[in-house]
Amino acid sequence: YLLNGEKWLISHTDCSDYTYVIAVTDESKEKDDR
């Protein structure tokens, strides 16, 4: 997968090793299914 975009007001960025990210994987689907 190629991840592109921005997130804002994210906590603990200075001490984290990984980040859980919610992103759109299928723009053809509606609402939450994307």
Full PDB file with SEQRES, HELIX, SHEET, SSBOND, CRYST1, ORIGX, SCALE, CONECT and MASTER records, all heavy atoms in Angstrom:
SEQRES   1 A   34  TYR LEU LEU ASN GLY GLU LYS TRP LEU ILE SER HIS THR          
SEQRES   2 A   34  ASP CYS SER ASP TYR THR TYR VAL ILE ALA VAL THR ASP          
SEQRES   3 A   34  GLU SER LYS GLU LYS ASP ASP ARG                              
HELIX    1 AA1 LYS A   31  ASP A   33  5                                   3    
CRYST1    1.000    1.000    1.000  90.00  90.00  90.00 P 1           1          
ORIGX1      1.000000  0.000000  0.000000        0.00000                         
ORIGX2      0.000000  1.000000  0.000000        0.00000                         
ORIGX3      0.000000  0.000000  1.000000        0.00000                         
SCALE1      1.000000  0.000000  0.000000        0.00000                         
SCALE2      0.000000  1.000000  0.000000        0.00000                         
SCALE3      0.000000  0.000000  1.000000        0.00000                         
ATOM      1  N   TYR A   1       0.855  -1.195   0.000  1.00  0.00           N  
ATOM      2  CA  TYR A   1       0.000   0.000   0.000  1.00  0.00           C  
ATOM      3  C   TYR A   1       0.885   1.237   0.000  1.00  0.00           C  
ATOM      4  O   TYR A   1       1.941   1.265   0.643  1.00  0.00           O  
ATOM      5  CB  TYR A   1      -0.891   0.029   1.246  1.00  0.00           C  
ATOM      6  CG  TYR A   1      -1.897  -1.088   1.320  1.00  0.00           C  
ATOM      7  CD1 TYR A   1      -1.531  -2.335   1.831  1.00  0.00           C  
ATOM      8  CD2 TYR A   1      -3.214  -0.915   0.895  1.00  0.00           C  
ATOM      9  CE1 TYR A   1      -2.452  -3.371   1.920  1.00  0.00           C  
ATOM     10  CE2 TYR A   1      -4.140  -1.941   0.985  1.00  0.00           C  
ATOM     11  CZ  TYR A   1      -3.750  -3.171   1.497  1.00  0.00           C  
ATOM     12  OH  TYR A   1      -4.669  -4.192   1.582  1.00  0.00           O  
ATOM     13  N   LEU A   2       0.433   2.279  -0.712  1.00  0.00           N  
ATOM     14  CA  LEU A   2       1.116   3.573  -0.683  1.00  0.00           C  
ATOM     15  C   LEU A   2       0.257   4.549   0.120  1.00  0.00           C  
ATOM     16  O   LEU A   2      -0.878   4.863  -0.259  1.00  0.00           O  
ATOM     17  CB  LEU A   2       1.349   4.111  -2.089  1.00  0.00           C  
ATOM     18  CG  LEU A   2       2.626   3.672  -2.809  1.00  0.00           C  
ATOM     19  CD1 LEU A   2       2.795   4.457  -4.109  1.00  0.00           C  
ATOM     20  CD2 LEU A   2       3.868   3.841  -1.945  1.00  0.00           C  
ATOM     21  N   LEU A   3       0.821   5.035   1.230  1.00  0.00           N  
ATOM     22  CA  LEU A   3       0.108   5.914   2.146  1.00  0.00           C  
ATOM     23  C   LEU A   3       0.467   7.365   1.863  1.00  0.00           C  
ATOM     24  O   LEU A   3       1.639   7.732   1.854  1.00  0.00           O  
ATOM     25  CB  LEU A   3       0.481   5.546   3.587  1.00  0.00           C  
ATOM     26  CG  LEU A   3      -0.153   6.360   4.721  1.00  0.00           C  
ATOM     27  CD1 LEU A   3      -1.657   6.099   4.800  1.00  0.00           C  
ATOM     28  CD2 LEU A   3       0.519   6.007   6.048  1.00  0.00           C  
ATOM     29  N   ASN A   4      -0.560   8.205   1.647  1.00  0.00           N  
ATOM     30  CA  ASN A   4      -0.364   9.635   1.420  1.00  0.00           C  
ATOM     31  C   ASN A   4      -1.439  10.433   2.156  1.00  0.00           C  
ATOM     32  O   ASN A   4      -2.611  10.027   2.189  1.00  0.00           O  
ATOM     33  CB  ASN A   4      -0.446   9.970  -0.080  1.00  0.00           C  
ATOM     34  CG  ASN A   4       0.788   9.544  -0.842  1.00  0.00           C  
ATOM     35  OD1 ASN A   4       1.807  10.236  -0.836  1.00  0.00           O  
ATOM     36  ND2 ASN A   4       0.703   8.376  -1.479  1.00  0.00           N  
ATOM     37  N   GLY A   5      -1.024  11.555   2.739  1.00  0.00           N  
ATOM     38  CA  GLY A   5      -1.988  12.407   3.428  1.00  0.00           C  
ATOM     39  C   GLY A   5      -1.410  13.015   4.685  1.00  0.00           C  
ATOM     40  O   GLY A   5      -0.192  12.976   4.915  1.00  0.00           O  
ATOM     41  N   GLU A   6      -2.293  13.589   5.503  1.00  0.00           N  
ATOM     42  CA  GLU A   6      -1.864  14.260   6.728  1.00  0.00           C  
ATOM     43  C   GLU A   6      -2.831  13.965   7.864  1.00  0.00           C  
ATOM     44  O   GLU A   6      -4.034  13.788   7.637  1.00  0.00           O  
ATOM     45  CB  GLU A   6      -1.775  15.778   6.511  1.00  0.00           C  
ATOM     46  CG  GLU A   6      -0.743  16.177   5.460  1.00  0.00           C  
ATOM     47  CD  GLU A   6      -0.637  17.687   5.282  1.00  0.00           C  
ATOM     48  OE1 GLU A   6      -1.362  18.414   6.009  1.00  0.00           O  
ATOM     49  OE2 GLU A   6       0.153  18.132   4.444  1.00  0.00           O  
ATOM     50  N   LYS A   7      -2.311  13.947   9.079  1.00  0.00           N  
ATOM     51  CA  LYS A   7      -3.110  13.857  10.299  1.00  0.00           C  
ATOM     52  C   LYS A   7      -2.748  15.043  11.192  1.00  0.00           C  
ATOM     53  O   LYS A   7      -1.691  15.648  11.047  1.00  0.00           O  
ATOM     54  CB  LYS A   7      -2.855  12.531  11.023  1.00  0.00           C  
ATOM     55  CG  LYS A   7      -3.229  11.285  10.215  1.00  0.00           C  
ATOM     56  CD  LYS A   7      -4.724  11.160  10.014  1.00  0.00           C  
ATOM     57  CE  LYS A   7      -5.080   9.884   9.249  1.00  0.00           C  
ATOM     58  NZ  LYS A   7      -6.553   9.747   9.072  1.00  0.00           N  
ATOM     59  N   TRP A   8      -3.632  15.349  12.152  1.00  0.00           N  
ATOM     60  CA  TRP A   8      -3.456  16.569  12.943  1.00  0.00           C  
ATOM     61  C   TRP A   8      -3.840  16.320  14.390  1.00  0.00           C  
ATOM     62  O   TRP A   8      -4.691  15.488  14.677  1.00  0.00           O  
ATOM     63  CB  TRP A   8      -4.321  17.684  12.350  1.00  0.00           C  
ATOM     64  CG  TRP A   8      -4.023  19.059  12.879  1.00  0.00           C  
ATOM     65  CD1 TRP A   8      -4.850  19.871  13.595  1.00  0.00           C  
ATOM     66  CD2 TRP A   8      -2.802  19.797  12.699  1.00  0.00           C  
ATOM     67  NE1 TRP A   8      -4.228  21.062  13.877  1.00  0.00           N  
ATOM     68  CE2 TRP A   8      -2.957  21.047  13.338  1.00  0.00           C  
ATOM     69  CE3 TRP A   8      -1.592  19.506  12.062  1.00  0.00           C  
ATOM     70  CZ2 TRP A   8      -1.963  22.016  13.368  1.00  0.00           C  
ATOM     71  CZ3 TRP A   8      -0.595  20.465  12.096  1.00  0.00           C  
ATOM     72  CH2 TRP A   8      -0.785  21.705  12.729  1.00  0.00           C  
ATOM     73  N   LEU A   9      -3.171  17.039  15.296  1.00  0.00           N  
ATOM     74  CA  LEU A   9      -3.449  16.934  16.733  1.00  0.00           C  
ATOM     75  C   LEU A   9      -3.244  15.496  17.233  1.00  0.00           C  
ATOM     76  O   LEU A   9      -4.074  14.952  17.954  1.00  0.00           O  
ATOM     77  CB  LEU A   9      -4.882  17.386  17.044  1.00  0.00           C  
ATOM     78  CG  LEU A   9      -5.075  18.873  17.348  1.00  0.00           C  
ATOM     79  CD1 LEU A   9      -6.553  19.198  17.487  1.00  0.00           C  
ATOM     80  CD2 LEU A   9      -4.329  19.286  18.606  1.00  0.00           C  
ATOM     81  N   ILE A  10      -2.123  14.913  16.878  1.00  0.00           N  
ATOM     82  CA  ILE A  10      -1.814  13.533  17.260  1.00  0.00           C  
ATOM     83  C   ILE A  10      -0.884  13.541  18.466  1.00  0.00           C  
ATOM     84  O   ILE A  10       0.145  14.228  18.475  1.00  0.00           O  
ATOM     85  CB  ILE A  10      -1.174  12.765  16.079  1.00  0.00           C  
ATOM     86  CG1 ILE A  10      -2.043  12.908  14.822  1.00  0.00           C  
ATOM     87  CG2 ILE A  10      -0.966  11.312  16.451  1.00  0.00           C  
ATOM     88  CD1 ILE A  10      -3.485  12.483  14.985  1.00  0.00           C  
ATOM     89  N   SER A  11      -1.228  12.771  19.484  1.00  0.00           N  
ATOM     90  CA  SER A  11      -0.448  12.735  20.721  1.00  0.00           C  
ATOM     91  C   SER A  11       0.704  11.733  20.624  1.00  0.00           C  
ATOM     92  O   SER A  11       0.677  10.810  19.807  1.00  0.00           O  
ATOM     93  CB  SER A  11      -1.347  12.339  21.903  1.00  0.00           C  
ATOM     94  OG  SER A  11      -2.529  13.081  21.936  1.00  0.00           O  
ATOM     95  N   HIS A  12       1.702  11.923  21.488  1.00  0.00           N  
ATOM     96  CA  HIS A  12       2.783  10.958  21.726  1.00  0.00           C  
ATOM     97  C   HIS A  12       3.670  10.728  20.495  1.00  0.00           C  
ATOM     98  O   HIS A  12       4.307   9.692  20.357  1.00  0.00           O  
ATOM     99  CB  HIS A  12       2.219   9.604  22.195  1.00  0.00           C  
ATOM    100  CG  HIS A  12       1.001   9.732  23.049  1.00  0.00           C  
ATOM    101  ND1 HIS A  12       1.014  10.400  24.254  1.00  0.00           N  
ATOM    102  CD2 HIS A  12      -0.291   9.326  22.853  1.00  0.00           C  
ATOM    103  CE1 HIS A  12      -0.221  10.384  24.766  1.00  0.00           C  
ATOM    104  NE2 HIS A  12      -1.018   9.750  23.942  1.00  0.00           N  
ATOM    105  N   THR A  13       3.727  11.718  19.608  1.00  0.00           N  
ATOM    106  CA  THR A  13       4.506  11.548  18.384  1.00  0.00           C  
ATOM    107  C   THR A  13       6.003  11.495  18.664  1.00  0.00           C  
ATOM    108  O   THR A  13       6.769  10.958  17.854  1.00  0.00           O  
ATOM    109  CB  THR A  13       4.225  12.699  17.404  1.00  0.00           C  
ATOM    110  OG1 THR A  13       4.544  13.942  18.043  1.00  0.00           O  
ATOM    111  CG2 THR A  13       2.759  12.715  16.993  1.00  0.00           C  
ATOM    112  N   ASP A  14       6.427  12.059  19.797  1.00  0.00           N  
ATOM    113  CA  ASP A  14       7.860  12.144  20.082  1.00  0.00           C  
ATOM    114  C   ASP A  14       8.406  10.912  20.797  1.00  0.00           C  
ATOM    115  O   ASP A  14       9.614  10.815  21.019  1.00  0.00           O  
ATOM    116  CB  ASP A  14       8.156  13.391  20.920  1.00  0.00           C  
ATOM    117  CG  ASP A  14       7.393  13.410  22.240  1.00  0.00           C  
ATOM    118  OD1 ASP A  14       6.448  12.612  22.392  1.00  0.00           O  
ATOM    119  OD2 ASP A  14       7.739  14.228  23.115  1.00  0.00           O  
ATOM    120  N   CYS A  15       7.540   9.968  21.150  1.00  0.00           N  
ATOM    121  CA  CYS A  15       8.018   8.785  21.877  1.00  0.00           C  
ATOM    122  C   CYS A  15       7.478   7.485  21.291  1.00  0.00           C  
ATOM    123  O   CYS A  15       7.571   6.430  21.919  1.00  0.00           O  
ATOM    124  CB  CYS A  15       7.633   8.882  23.357  1.00  0.00           C  
ATOM    125  SG  CYS A  15       5.855   8.783  23.662  1.00  0.00           S  
ATOM    126  N   SER A  16       6.896   7.558  20.092  1.00  0.00           N  
ATOM    127  CA  SER A  16       6.278   6.382  19.481  1.00  0.00           C  
ATOM    128  C   SER A  16       7.197   5.733  18.447  1.00  0.00           C  
ATOM    129  O   SER A  16       7.995   6.401  17.796  1.00  0.00           O  
ATOM    130  CB  SER A  16       4.953   6.758  18.806  1.00  0.00           C  
ATOM    131  OG  SER A  16       4.011   7.181  19.758  1.00  0.00           O  
ATOM    132  N   ASP A  17       7.013   4.441  18.312  1.00  0.00           N  
ATOM    133  CA  ASP A  17       7.764   3.667  17.321  1.00  0.00           C  
ATOM    134  C   ASP A  17       6.915   3.368  16.088  1.00  0.00           C  
ATOM    135  O   ASP A  17       7.439   3.162  14.993  1.00  0.00           O  
ATOM    136  CB  ASP A  17       8.233   2.353  17.951  1.00  0.00           C  
ATOM    137  CG  ASP A  17       8.995   2.593  19.242  1.00  0.00           C  
ATOM    138  OD1 ASP A  17      10.154   2.996  19.177  1.00  0.00           O  
ATOM    139  OD2 ASP A  17       8.401   2.402  20.333  1.00  0.00           O  
ATOM    140  N   TYR A  18       5.599   3.314  16.295  1.00  0.00           N  
ATOM    141  CA  TYR A  18       4.641   3.052  15.218  1.00  0.00           C  
ATOM    142  C   TYR A  18       3.431   3.957  15.431  1.00  0.00           C  
ATOM    143  O   TYR A  18       3.250   4.539  16.501  1.00  0.00           O  
ATOM    144  CB  TYR A  18       4.167   1.588  15.228  1.00  0.00           C  
ATOM    145  CG  TYR A  18       5.237   0.561  14.972  1.00  0.00           C  
ATOM    146  CD1 TYR A  18       6.061   0.114  16.005  1.00  0.00           C  
ATOM    147  CD2 TYR A  18       5.422   0.000  13.703  1.00  0.00           C  
ATOM    148  CE1 TYR A  18       7.046  -0.837  15.780  1.00  0.00           C  
ATOM    149  CE2 TYR A  18       6.395  -0.953  13.471  1.00  0.00           C  
ATOM    150  CZ  TYR A  18       7.205  -1.370  14.512  1.00  0.00           C  
ATOM    151  OH  TYR A  18       8.179  -2.322  14.289  1.00  0.00           O  
ATOM    152  N   THR A  19       2.583   4.030  14.383  1.00  0.00           N  
ATOM    153  CA  THR A  19       1.346   4.806  14.460  1.00  0.00           C  
ATOM    154  C   THR A  19       0.209   4.006  13.833  1.00  0.00           C  
ATOM    155  O   THR A  19       0.351   3.484  12.728  1.00  0.00           O  
ATOM    156  CB  THR A  19       1.484   6.143  13.708  1.00  0.00           C  
ATOM    157  OG1 THR A  19       2.542   6.915  14.300  1.00  0.00           O  
ATOM    158  CG2 THR A  19       0.195   6.948  13.772  1.00  0.00           C  
ATOM    159  N   TYR A  20      -0.918   3.909  14.558  1.00  0.00           N  
ATOM    160  CA  TYR A  20      -2.141   3.369  13.959  1.00  0.00           C  
ATOM    161  C   TYR A  20      -2.748   4.467  13.089  1.00  0.00           C  
ATOM    162  O   TYR A  20      -3.005   5.580  13.572  1.00  0.00           O  
ATOM    163  CB  TYR A  20      -3.155   2.973  15.029  1.00  0.00           C  
ATOM    164  CG  TYR A  20      -2.713   1.882  15.970  1.00  0.00           C  
ATOM    165  CD1 TYR A  20      -2.577   2.129  17.335  1.00  0.00           C  
ATOM    166  CD2 TYR A  20      -2.469   0.585  15.509  1.00  0.00           C  
ATOM    167  CE1 TYR A  20      -2.196   1.119  18.214  1.00  0.00           C  
ATOM    168  CE2 TYR A  20      -2.085  -0.428  16.379  1.00  0.00           C  
ATOM    169  CZ  TYR A  20      -1.952  -0.153  17.734  1.00  0.00           C  
ATOM    170  OH  TYR A  20      -1.572  -1.147  18.610  1.00  0.00           O  
ATOM    171  N   VAL A  21      -2.989   4.172  11.815  1.00  0.00           N  
ATOM    172  CA  VAL A  21      -3.504   5.175  10.878  1.00  0.00           C  
ATOM    173  C   VAL A  21      -4.781   4.651  10.222  1.00  0.00           C  
ATOM    174  O   VAL A  21      -4.819   3.520   9.728  1.00  0.00           O  
ATOM    175  CB  VAL A  21      -2.461   5.505   9.787  1.00  0.00           C  
ATOM    176  CG1 VAL A  21      -3.054   6.465   8.744  1.00  0.00           C  
ATOM    177  CG2 VAL A  21      -1.207   6.120  10.406  1.00  0.00           C  
ATOM    178  N   ILE A  22      -5.824   5.494  10.215  1.00  0.00           N  
ATOM    179  CA  ILE A  22      -7.058   5.203   9.489  1.00  0.00           C  
ATOM    180  C   ILE A  22      -6.995   5.947   8.159  1.00  0.00           C  
ATOM    181  O   ILE A  22      -6.771   7.163   8.128  1.00  0.00           O  
ATOM    182  CB  ILE A  22      -8.306   5.649  10.276  1.00  0.00           C  
ATOM    183  CG1 ILE A  22      -8.269   5.099  11.708  1.00  0.00           C  
ATOM    184  CG2 ILE A  22      -9.574   5.207   9.558  1.00  0.00           C  
ATOM    185  CD1 ILE A  22      -8.288   3.601  11.814  1.00  0.00           C  
ATOM    186  N   ALA A  23      -7.177   5.215   7.056  1.00  0.00           N  
ATOM    187  CA  ALA A  23      -7.016   5.818   5.731  1.00  0.00           C  
ATOM    188  C   ALA A  23      -8.015   5.216   4.738  1.00  0.00           C  
ATOM    189  O   ALA A  23      -8.564   4.125   4.952  1.00  0.00           O  
ATOM    190  CB  ALA A  23      -5.587   5.595   5.221  1.00  0.00           C  
ATOM    191  N   VAL A  24      -8.228   5.943   3.636  1.00  0.00           N  
ATOM    192  CA  VAL A  24      -9.112   5.485   2.567  1.00  0.00           C  
ATOM    193  C   VAL A  24      -8.357   4.475   1.706  1.00  0.00           C  
ATOM    194  O   VAL A  24      -7.284   4.780   1.179  1.00  0.00           O  
ATOM    195  CB  VAL A  24      -9.577   6.668   1.692  1.00  0.00           C  
ATOM    196  CG1 VAL A  24     -10.416   6.173   0.508  1.00  0.00           C  
ATOM    197  CG2 VAL A  24     -10.356   7.672   2.527  1.00  0.00           C  
ATOM    198  N   THR A  25      -8.920   3.290   1.539  1.00  0.00           N  
ATOM    199  CA  THR A  25      -8.307   2.275   0.666  1.00  0.00           C  
ATOM    200  C   THR A  25      -9.118   2.045  -0.612  1.00  0.00           C  
ATOM    201  O   THR A  25      -8.602   1.481  -1.577  1.00  0.00           O  
ATOM    202  CB  THR A  25      -8.136   0.937   1.399  1.00  0.00           C  
ATOM    203  OG1 THR A  25      -9.340   0.599   2.091  1.00  0.00           O  
ATOM    204  CG2 THR A  25      -6.993   1.011   2.402  1.00  0.00           C  
ATOM    205  N   ASP A  26     -10.379   2.458  -0.615  1.00  0.00           N  
ATOM    206  CA  ASP A  26     -11.205   2.271  -1.808  1.00  0.00           C  
ATOM    207  C   ASP A  26     -12.146   3.469  -1.942  1.00  0.00           C  
ATOM    208  O   ASP A  26     -13.199   3.525  -1.309  1.00  0.00           O  
ATOM    209  CB  ASP A  26     -12.009   0.974  -1.707  1.00  0.00           C  
ATOM    210  CG  ASP A  26     -12.679   0.608  -3.031  1.00  0.00           C  
ATOM    211  OD1 ASP A  26     -12.869   1.508  -3.869  1.00  0.00           O  
ATOM    212  OD2 ASP A  26     -13.017  -0.584  -3.216  1.00  0.00           O  
ATOM    213  N   GLU A  27     -11.773   4.422  -2.789  1.00  0.00           N  
ATOM    214  CA  GLU A  27     -12.556   5.653  -2.938  1.00  0.00           C  
ATOM    215  C   GLU A  27     -13.881   5.427  -3.652  1.00  0.00           C  
ATOM    216  O   GLU A  27     -14.757   6.299  -3.632  1.00  0.00           O  
ATOM    217  CB  GLU A  27     -11.726   6.689  -3.687  1.00  0.00           C  
ATOM    218  CG  GLU A  27     -10.494   7.149  -2.907  1.00  0.00           C  
ATOM    219  CD  GLU A  27      -9.601   8.088  -3.688  1.00  0.00           C  
ATOM    220  OE1 GLU A  27      -9.172   7.688  -4.799  1.00  0.00           O  
ATOM    221  OE2 GLU A  27      -9.326   9.199  -3.201  1.00  0.00           O  
ATOM    222  N   SER A  28     -14.059   4.264  -4.266  1.00  0.00           N  
ATOM    223  CA  SER A  28     -15.303   3.987  -4.986  1.00  0.00           C  
ATOM    224  C   SER A  28     -16.428   3.553  -4.044  1.00  0.00           C  
ATOM    225  O   SER A  28     -17.598   3.572  -4.428  1.00  0.00           O  
ATOM    226  CB  SER A  28     -15.074   2.888  -6.032  1.00  0.00           C  
ATOM    227  OG  SER A  28     -14.796   1.629  -5.403  1.00  0.00           O  
ATOM    228  N   LYS A  29     -16.073   3.173  -2.838  1.00  0.00           N  
ATOM    229  CA  LYS A  29     -17.088   2.730  -1.875  1.00  0.00           C  
ATOM    230  C   LYS A  29     -17.639   3.912  -1.089  1.00  0.00           C  
ATOM    231  O   LYS A  29     -17.097   5.014  -1.125  1.00  0.00           O  
ATOM    232  CB  LYS A  29     -16.492   1.685  -0.935  1.00  0.00           C  
ATOM    233  CG  LYS A  29     -16.161   0.375  -1.646  1.00  0.00           C  
ATOM    234  CD  LYS A  29     -15.685  -0.689  -0.666  1.00  0.00           C  
ATOM    235  CE  LYS A  29     -15.435  -2.007  -1.396  1.00  0.00           C  
ATOM    236  NZ  LYS A  29     -14.940  -3.064  -0.475  1.00  0.00           N  
ATOM    237  N   GLU A  30     -18.715   3.671  -0.368  1.00  0.00           N  
ATOM    238  CA  GLU A  30     -19.390   4.748   0.345  1.00  0.00           C  
ATOM    239  C   GLU A  30     -19.013   4.767   1.820  1.00  0.00           C  
ATOM    240  O   GLU A  30     -18.825   3.734   2.452  1.00  0.00           O  
ATOM    241  CB  GLU A  30     -20.914   4.602   0.212  1.00  0.00           C  
ATOM    242  CG  GLU A  30     -21.426   4.767  -1.210  1.00  0.00           C  
ATOM    243  CD  GLU A  30     -22.940   4.752  -1.277  1.00  0.00           C  
ATOM    244  OE1 GLU A  30     -23.581   4.602  -0.212  1.00  0.00           O  
ATOM    245  OE2 GLU A  30     -23.479   4.878  -2.383  1.00  0.00           O  
ATOM    246  N   LYS A  31     -18.900   5.975   2.351  1.00  0.00           N  
ATOM    247  CA  LYS A  31     -18.745   6.251   3.772  1.00  0.00           C  
ATOM    248  C   LYS A  31     -17.709   5.342   4.434  1.00  0.00           C  
ATOM    249  O   LYS A  31     -16.582   5.241   4.005  1.00  0.00           O  
ATOM    250  CB  LYS A  31     -20.111   6.156   4.455  1.00  0.00           C  
ATOM    251  CG  LYS A  31     -21.109   7.202   3.939  1.00  0.00           C  
ATOM    252  CD  LYS A  31     -22.418   7.146   4.695  1.00  0.00           C  
ATOM    253  CE  LYS A  31     -23.363   8.230   4.201  1.00  0.00           C  
ATOM    254  NZ  LYS A  31     -24.674   8.210   4.902  1.00  0.00           N  
ATOM    255  N   ASP A  32     -18.118   4.650   5.505  1.00  0.00           N  
ATOM    256  CA  ASP A  32     -17.162   3.912   6.323  1.00  0.00           C  
ATOM    257  C   ASP A  32     -16.493   2.761   5.579  1.00  0.00           C  
ATOM    258  O   ASP A  32     -15.376   2.374   5.920  1.00  0.00           O  
ATOM    259  CB  ASP A  32     -17.859   3.354   7.575  1.00  0.00           C  
ATOM    260  CG  ASP A  32     -18.357   4.458   8.498  1.00  0.00           C  
ATOM    261  OD1 ASP A  32     -18.045   5.632   8.226  1.00  0.00           O  
ATOM    262  OD2 ASP A  32     -19.054   4.143   9.471  1.00  0.00           O  
ATOM    263  N   ASP A  33     -17.160   2.202   4.569  1.00  0.00           N  
ATOM    264  CA  ASP A  33     -16.593   1.067   3.838  1.00  0.00           C  
ATOM    265  C   ASP A  33     -15.338   1.444   3.062  1.00  0.00           C  
ATOM    266  O   ASP A  33     -14.605   0.568   2.601  1.00  0.00           O  
ATOM    267  CB  ASP A  33     -17.630   0.478   2.867  1.00  0.00           C  
ATOM    268  CG  ASP A  33     -18.784  -0.204   3.593  1.00  0.00           C  
ATOM    269  OD1 ASP A  33     -18.588  -0.592   4.771  1.00  0.00           O  
ATOM    270  OD2 ASP A  33     -19.870  -0.335   2.999  1.00  0.00           O  
ATOM    271  N   ARG A  34     -15.093   2.745   2.912  1.00  0.00           N  
ATOM    272  CA  ARG A  34     -13.891   3.191   2.192  1.00  0.00           C  
ATOM    273  C   ARG A  34     -12.632   3.042   3.034  1.00  0.00           C  
ATOM    274  O   ARG A  34     -11.529   3.074   2.515  1.00  0.00           O  
ATOM    275  CB  ARG A  34     -14.017   4.682   1.833  1.00  0.00           C  
ATOM    276  CG  ARG A  34     -15.258   5.063   1.059  1.00  0.00           C  
ATOM    277  CD  ARG A  34     -15.297   6.560   0.782  1.00  0.00           C  
ATOM    278  NE  ARG A  34     -14.982   7.342   1.953  1.00  0.00           N  
ATOM    279  CZ  ARG A  34     -14.149   8.399   1.963  1.00  0.00           C  
ATOM    280  NH1 ARG A  34     -13.542   8.761   0.850  1.00  0.00           N  
ATOM    281  NH2 ARG A  34     -13.926   9.063   3.078  1.00  0.00           N  
TER     282      ARG A  34                                                      
MASTER        0    0    0    1    0    0    0    6  281    1    0    3          
END                                                                             
